[in-house]
């Protein structure tokens, strides 16, 4: 009689162990699938951000072609225009080009014409 109870108890423990283990596996799979969805969304966002950065670089290259501006605004990704996607007026843009800024040199009308500045502004700020 004691042997039958021990065997029944062992079978019950084994059954519960298998059930709990399978539930834990399904929980882990659920966590893994949620994590992979999260990773997938992050990767998609990174790809989108990279695509936007590439488009911005290409636009800067095209807009600043044959100018001194490209030395800084194309080669340094932190100086791509428009900086931090801030839209500025043409008058402000012209003033910055003519007077310079914190690290930016000024450019005289002899070094870059107002027509060229207008073309650059249009390509940079009206391209989207």
Foldseek 3Di string as FASTA:
>chain_A
DVVVVVVVVVVVVVVVVVVVVVVVVVVVVVVVVVVVVVVVVVVVVVVVVVVVLVVLLVLLCVLQPPAPVCVDQNVPSCNGPPHVLDDDDLVVQQCCQQPPDDPGHHDDCVRPNPVSSVSSSCSRRVVD
